[in-house]
Structure formats: C-alpha cells, structure tokens
C-alpha atoms as a PDB file:
ATOM      1  CA  UNK A   1      37.400 -18.740 -27.963  1.00  0.00           C
ATOM      2  CA  UNK A   2      38.890 -17.526 -24.322  1.00  0.00           C
ATOM      3  CA  UNK A   3      36.779 -18.376 -21.090  1.00  0.00           C
ATOM      4  CA  UNK A   4      37.297 -15.602 -18.348  1.00  0.00           C
ATOM      5  CA  UNK A   5      35.017 -15.213 -15.405  1.00  0.00           C
ATOM      6  CA  UNK A   6      34.021 -11.262 -14.572  1.00  0.00           C
ATOM      7  CA  UNK A   7      32.819 -10.600 -10.764  1.00  0.00           C
ATOM      8  CA  UNK A   8      30.145  -7.759 -10.748  1.00  0.00           C
ATOM      9  CA  UNK A   9      29.709  -5.355  -7.820  1.00  0.00           C
ATOM     10  CA  UNK A  10      27.852  -2.603  -6.351  1.00  0.00           C
ATOM     11  CA  UNK A  11      26.602  -0.581  -3.341  1.00  0.00           C
ATOM     12  CA  UNK A  12      25.196   2.631  -4.529  1.00  0.00           C
ATOM     13  CA  UNK A  13      21.361   2.299  -5.294  1.00  0.00           C
ATOM     14  CA  UNK A  14      20.148   0.994  -7.551  1.00  0.00           C
ATOM     15  CA  UNK A  15      22.443  -1.646  -7.161  1.00  0.00           C
ATOM     16  CA  UNK A  16      20.588  -4.552  -8.759  1.00  0.00           C
ATOM     17  CA  UNK A  17      19.838  -1.989 -11.873  1.00  0.00           C
ATOM     18  CA  UNK A  18      23.428  -1.110 -12.103  1.00  0.00           C
ATOM     19  CA  UNK A  19      24.112  -4.920 -12.225  1.00  0.00           C
ATOM     20  CA  UNK A  20      22.147  -5.863 -15.111  1.00  0.00           C
ATOM     21  CA  UNK A  21      23.182  -2.454 -17.028  1.00  0.00           C
ATOM     22  CA  UNK A  22      26.345  -4.024 -16.894  1.00  0.00           C
ATOM     23  CA  UNK A  23      25.407  -7.731 -18.102  1.00  0.00           C
ATOM     24  CA  UNK A  24      23.440  -5.698 -20.780  1.00  0.00           C
ATOM     25  CA  UNK A  25      26.449  -3.982 -21.854  1.00  0.00           C
ATOM     26  CA  UNK A  26      28.430  -7.162 -21.736  1.00  0.00           C
ATOM     27  CA  UNK A  27      25.602  -8.846 -23.932  1.00  0.00           C
ATOM     28  CA  UNK A  28      25.733  -6.447 -26.718  1.00  0.00           C
ATOM     29  CA  UNK A  29      29.334  -6.001 -26.988  1.00  0.00           C
ATOM     30  CA  UNK A  30      29.810  -8.183 -30.683  1.00  0.00           C
ATOM     31  CA  UNK A  31      32.976  -9.898 -28.846  1.00  0.00           C
ATOM     32  CA  UNK A  32      31.431 -11.082 -25.404  1.00  0.00           C
ATOM     33  CA  UNK A  33      29.183 -13.826 -25.139  1.00  0.00           C
ATOM     34  CA  UNK A  34      27.976 -14.304 -21.522  1.00  0.00           C
ATOM     35  CA  UNK A  35      27.206 -18.147 -20.797  1.00  0.00           C
ATOM     36  CA  UNK A  36      26.302 -18.164 -17.243  1.00  0.00           C
ATOM     37  CA  UNK A  37      25.708 -16.269 -14.358  1.00  0.00           C
ATOM     38  CA  UNK A  38      25.344 -17.060 -10.456  1.00  0.00           C
ATOM     39  CA  UNK A  39      22.862 -15.742  -8.111  1.00  0.00           C
ATOM     40  CA  UNK A  40      23.497 -12.437  -6.468  1.00  0.00           C
ATOM     41  CA  UNK A  41      24.880 -12.147  -2.929  1.00  0.00           C
ATOM     42  CA  UNK A  42      24.728  -9.429  -0.498  1.00  0.00           C
ATOM     43  CA  UNK A  43      27.706  -8.825   1.086  1.00  0.00           C
ATOM     44  CA  UNK A  44      29.620  -7.029   3.736  1.00  0.00           C
ATOM     45  CA  UNK A  45      32.177  -4.106   2.884  1.00  0.00           C
ATOM     46  CA  UNK A  46      36.059  -5.080   2.992  1.00  0.00           C
ATOM     47  CA  UNK A  47      38.161  -2.786   4.071  1.00  0.00           C
ATOM     48  CA  UNK A  48      37.293   0.752   4.257  1.00  0.00           C
ATOM     49  CA  UNK A  49      33.620  -0.402   6.490  1.00  0.00           C
ATOM     50  CA  UNK A  50      31.482   2.755   6.472  1.00  0.00           C
ATOM     51  CA  UNK A  51      29.532   2.318   3.677  1.00  0.00           C
ATOM     52  CA  UNK A  52      26.574   0.205   2.548  1.00  0.00           C
ATOM     53  CA  UNK A  53      26.241  -3.563   1.732  1.00  0.00           C
ATOM     54  CA  UNK A  54      27.292  -4.701  -1.812  1.00  0.00           C
ATOM     55  CA  UNK A  55      25.682  -7.351  -4.296  1.00  0.00           C
ATOM     56  CA  UNK A  56      27.966  -9.354  -5.802  1.00  0.00           C
ATOM     57  CA  UNK A  57      27.668 -12.137  -8.618  1.00  0.00           C
ATOM     58  CA  UNK A  58      30.137 -13.584 -11.055  1.00  0.00           C
ATOM     59  CA  UNK A  59      29.650 -14.250 -14.784  1.00  0.00           C
ATOM     60  CA  UNK A  60      31.350 -16.684 -17.143  1.00  0.00           C
ATOM     61  CA  UNK A  61      32.012 -15.055 -20.783  1.00  0.00           C
ATOM     62  CA  UNK A  62      33.569 -16.589 -23.912  1.00  0.00           C
ATOM     63  CA  UNK A  63      35.434 -13.987 -25.618  1.00  0.00           C
ATOM     64  CA  UNK A  64      37.473 -13.690 -28.681  1.00  0.00           C
ATOM     65  CA  UNK A  65      39.137 -10.609 -27.084  1.00  0.00           C
ATOM     66  CA  UNK A  66      42.925 -10.993 -25.292  1.00  0.00           C
ATOM     67  CA  UNK A  67      42.744 -10.256 -21.687  1.00  0.00           C
ATOM     68  CA  UNK A  68      43.616  -6.471 -21.584  1.00  0.00           C
ATOM     69  CA  UNK A  69      40.936  -5.973 -24.275  1.00  0.00           C
ATOM     70  CA  UNK A  70      38.252  -7.450 -22.247  1.00  0.00           C
ATOM     71  CA  UNK A  71      39.767  -5.031 -19.241  1.00  0.00           C
ATOM     72  CA  UNK A  72      39.470  -2.050 -21.121  1.00  0.00           C
ATOM     73  CA  UNK A  73      35.618  -3.298 -22.139  1.00  0.00           C
ATOM     74  CA  UNK A  74      34.948  -3.780 -18.368  1.00  0.00           C
ATOM     75  CA  UNK A  75      36.578  -0.250 -17.379  1.00  0.00           C
ATOM     76  CA  UNK A  76      34.477   1.328 -20.438  1.00  0.00           C
ATOM     77  CA  UNK A  77      31.350  -0.218 -18.579  1.00  0.00           C
ATOM     78  CA  UNK A  78      32.382   1.330 -14.747  1.00  0.00           C
ATOM     79  CA  UNK A  79      32.738   4.774 -16.735  1.00  0.00           C
ATOM     80  CA  UNK A  80      29.861   4.565 -18.585  1.00  0.00           C
ATOM     81  CA  UNK A  81      27.855   4.221 -15.145  1.00  0.00           C
ATOM     82  CA  UNK A  82      30.081   6.528 -12.746  1.00  0.00           C
ATOM     83  CA  UNK A  83      32.092   4.829 -11.467  1.00  0.00           C
ATOM     84  CA  UNK A  84      34.767   6.905  -9.264  1.00  0.00           C
ATOM     85  CA  UNK A  85      38.061   5.389  -7.572  1.00  0.00           C
ATOM     86  CA  UNK A  86      38.100   8.219  -4.521  1.00  0.00           C
ATOM     87  CA  UNK A  87      38.567   5.919  -1.730  1.00  0.00           C
ATOM     88  CA  UNK A  88      40.158   2.331  -2.078  1.00  0.00           C
ATOM     89  CA  UNK A  89      37.592  -0.148  -1.474  1.00  0.00           C
ATOM     90  CA  UNK A  90      35.076   2.480  -1.062  1.00  0.00           C
ATOM     91  CA  UNK A  91      31.634   2.647  -2.488  1.00  0.00           C
ATOM     92  CA  UNK A  92      31.015   2.057  -6.049  1.00  0.00           C
ATOM     93  CA  UNK A  93      27.949   1.932  -8.258  1.00  0.00           C
ATOM     94  CA  UNK A  94      29.559  -0.767 -10.524  1.00  0.00           C
ATOM     95  CA  UNK A  95      33.087  -2.751 -10.500  1.00  0.00           C
ATOM     96  CA  UNK A  96      34.013  -5.588 -13.022  1.00  0.00           C
ATOM     97  CA  UNK A  97      37.050  -7.308 -12.007  1.00  0.00           C
ATOM     98  CA  UNK A  98      38.519  -9.978 -14.027  1.00  0.00           C
ATOM     99  CA  UNK A  99      38.814 -12.934 -12.037  1.00  0.00           C
ATOM    100  CA  UNK A 100      40.689 -15.748 -14.356  1.00  0.00           C
ATOM    101  CA  UNK A 101      41.392 -15.654 -17.999  1.00  0.00           C
ATOM    102  CA  UNK A 102      41.734 -19.210 -19.332  1.00  0.00           C
ATOM    103  CA  UNK A 103      44.183 -20.803 -17.074  1.00  0.00           C
ATOM    104  CA  UNK A 104      46.737 -18.093 -17.626  1.00  0.00           C
ATOM    105  CA  UNK A 105      48.935 -16.374 -15.331  1.00  0.00           C
ATOM    106  CA  UNK A 106      48.703 -12.931 -16.350  1.00  0.00           C
ATOM    107  CA  UNK A 107      50.990  -9.744 -14.603  1.00  0.00           C
ATOM    108  CA  UNK A 108      51.316  -6.549 -16.214  1.00  0.00           C
ATOM    109  CA  UNK A 109      51.204  -2.930 -15.135  1.00  0.00           C
ATOM    110  CA  UNK A 110      47.305  -2.959 -15.794  1.00  0.00           C
ATOM    111  CA  UNK A 111      46.150  -6.436 -14.973  1.00  0.00           C
ATOM    112  CA  UNK A 112      46.993  -9.123 -12.544  1.00  0.00           C
ATOM    113  CA  UNK A 113      45.069 -12.716 -13.322  1.00  0.00           C
ATOM    114  CA  UNK A 114      43.799 -14.713 -11.517  1.00  0.00           C
ATOM    115  CA  UNK A 115      42.738 -11.550  -9.492  1.00  0.00           C
ATOM    116  CA  UNK A 116      45.409 -11.000  -6.638  1.00  0.00           C
ATOM    117  CA  UNK A 117      43.078 -11.365  -3.895  1.00  0.00           C
ATOM    118  CA  UNK A 118      40.419 -13.410  -4.886  1.00  0.00           C
ATOM    119  CA  UNK A 119      41.249 -16.710  -2.663  1.00  0.00           C
ATOM    120  CA  UNK A 120      41.114 -14.796   0.016  1.00  0.00           C
ATOM    121  CA  UNK A 121      37.507 -13.076  -0.481  1.00  0.00           C
ATOM    122  CA  UNK A 122      34.078 -14.848   0.056  1.00  0.00           C
ATOM    123  CA  UNK A 123      32.169 -12.255  -2.082  1.00  0.00           C
ATOM    124  CA  UNK A 124      33.943 -13.449  -4.679  1.00  0.00           C
ATOM    125  CA  UNK A 125      34.438 -17.446  -3.987  1.00  0.00           C
ATOM    126  CA  UNK A 126      30.805 -18.480  -3.286  1.00  0.00           C
ATOM    127  CA  UNK A 127      29.201 -16.871  -6.503  1.00  0.00           C
ATOM    128  CA  UNK A 128      32.223 -18.146  -8.515  1.00  0.00           C
ATOM    129  CA  UNK A 129      32.069 -21.773  -7.160  1.00  0.00           C
ATOM    130  CA  UNK A 130      28.284 -21.608  -7.752  1.00  0.00           C
ATOM    131  CA  UNK A 131      29.071 -21.479 -11.708  1.00  0.00           C
ATOM    132  CA  UNK A 132      32.533 -22.916 -11.980  1.00  0.00           C
ATOM    133  CA  UNK A 133      33.889 -25.157  -8.887  1.00  0.00           C
ATOM    134  CA  UNK A 134      36.434 -27.123 -10.559  1.00  0.00           C
ATOM    135  CA  UNK A 135      38.116 -24.271 -12.129  1.00  0.00           C
ATOM    136  CA  UNK A 136      41.978 -24.480 -10.961  1.00  0.00           C
ATOM    137  CA  UNK A 137      43.290 -21.221 -10.020  1.00  0.00           C
ATOM    138  CA  UNK A 138      46.731 -21.583 -11.274  1.00  0.00           C
ATOM    139  CA  UNK A 139      48.006 -18.538  -9.099  1.00  0.00           C
ATOM    140  CA  UNK A 140      47.240 -21.073  -5.628  1.00  0.00           C
ATOM    141  CA  UNK A 141      46.764 -24.615  -7.617  1.00  0.00           C
ATOM    142  CA  UNK A 142      43.508 -25.121  -5.920  1.00  0.00           C
ATOM    143  CA  UNK A 143      39.855 -25.432  -7.187  1.00  0.00           C
ATOM    144  CA  UNK A 144      37.527 -22.625  -6.458  1.00  0.00           C
ATOM    145  CA  UNK A 145      35.270 -25.635  -4.745  1.00  0.00           C
ATOM    146  CA  UNK A 146      38.632 -26.230  -2.038  1.00  0.00           C
ATOM    147  CA  UNK A 147      39.232 -22.292  -1.950  1.00  0.00           C
ATOM    148  CA  UNK A 148      35.422 -21.772  -0.996  1.00  0.00           C
ATOM    149  CA  UNK A 149      35.399 -24.463   1.568  1.00  0.00           C
ATOM    150  CA  UNK A 150      38.348 -22.878   3.364  1.00  0.00           C
ATOM    151  CA  UNK A 151      37.282 -19.348   3.400  1.00  0.00           C
ATOM    152  CA  UNK A 152      33.374 -20.653   4.481  1.00  0.00           C
ATOM    153  CA  UNK A 153      35.362 -21.570   8.035  1.00  0.00           C
ATOM    154  CA  UNK A 154      36.095 -17.976   8.577  1.00  0.00           C
ATOM    155  CA  UNK A 155      34.132 -15.681   6.271  1.00  0.00           C
ATOM    156  CA  UNK A 156      30.736 -17.410   5.841  1.00  0.00           C
ATOM    157  CA  UNK A 157      28.584 -14.694   7.680  1.00  0.00           C
ATOM    158  CA  UNK A 158      29.814 -12.034   5.318  1.00  0.00           C
ATOM    159  CA  UNK A 159      27.985 -13.212   2.032  1.00  0.00           C
ATOM    160  CA  UNK A 160      24.191 -13.737   2.175  1.00  0.00           C
ATOM    161  CA  UNK A 161      21.957 -14.851  -1.051  1.00  0.00           C
ATOM    162  CA  UNK A 162      20.373 -12.164  -1.967  1.00  0.00           C
ATOM    163  CA  UNK A 163      18.617 -13.283  -5.156  1.00  0.00           C
ATOM    164  CA  UNK A 164      19.370 -17.128  -6.804  1.00  0.00           C
ATOM    165  CA  UNK A 165      19.407 -17.530 -10.372  1.00  0.00           C
ATOM    166  CA  UNK A 166      21.049 -13.900 -11.013  1.00  0.00           C
ATOM    167  CA  UNK A 167      18.751 -12.245 -12.803  1.00  0.00           C
ATOM    168  CA  UNK A 168      16.365 -14.338 -13.763  1.00  0.00           C
ATOM    169  CA  UNK A 169      13.224 -15.545 -12.675  1.00  0.00           C
ATOM    170  CA  UNK A 170      13.507 -17.405  -8.957  1.00  0.00           C
END
C-alpha cells in the first residue's frame, strides 16, 4: 500500500462544498482510502492576486494506485467540478495536487513529486504539518515541521485557520 499526501484548494464559491465533494469522490474510489484530513485554512492567493481567498487543506491517503494513476483520479475530479486552467495560479473550483508519494522522487512529463514548490508555500506546509510533521521531503531532506518553521517566519499572515478538524465537527 502506498501513502500519498494530496493538497486541496478552492476559491470559487461554494468553496467548502467543492472540498467536501472532492473528498467524497476520493473516498468512493475503490483503491483509495482517506486516512487523515487537516483543518481547513483560508489563505491569500499566491502569484495571481486578483482573485478571492482560497480554502486549503491536506489529506493523507493510502492507495494501491501508482502515482500517475492517482494523478489521473485527481485530474478527473478537477474536471468533474469544472476546473479551468485559463490563468496560471488563477481562480479554481477545486485543485488537487499530489504533494508526496511514499518517500519517492518522481519526475515525469506529467508529475513531479514531491511537489516542486511545496516547501515554499505556507498554504501547503501548515495543513500538512498538522497531519504529517515528521514526513521528510526527499527533495530538500528536511521534515515538514522544519520547513513549516522556516516559512512561518516569512509567510505566517497568509494562512489562517478557517475550520478546525477539516470537514468534521468542531
């Protein structure tokens, strides 16, 4: 069984509903088991700033799927909920990014894991740190907790807790 971490983000209303529906789709897949959900964080946009704030969270999943097959599932979910890739870093109904897959370094035309910019992004590291602080990212050879500590000094105001315990009850 493979362990993967998937980041989810949405900044087109209904943001929380898009997160819920994407998680539901993952849970219904016969080869994916959702193990942990982070809290949901509201974050300011990175890159293209002329858009609404995002809701972001991270999931831990166990899967028998190969990394690129998991990517296919994630992209199918994005398409199902109307994801459009018209503006780089632009508004989106739902975004699913594979952050890590086992302890592997993967670099293909379609997939780079660990996600190439995740160690620079508080909106990824803060929720990932909540569920996997000891995860070592082989691309930078540091733990998520270490990386979160570094980035919190510079980007702490970009990320604020929106709903504790993911989509469960508070």
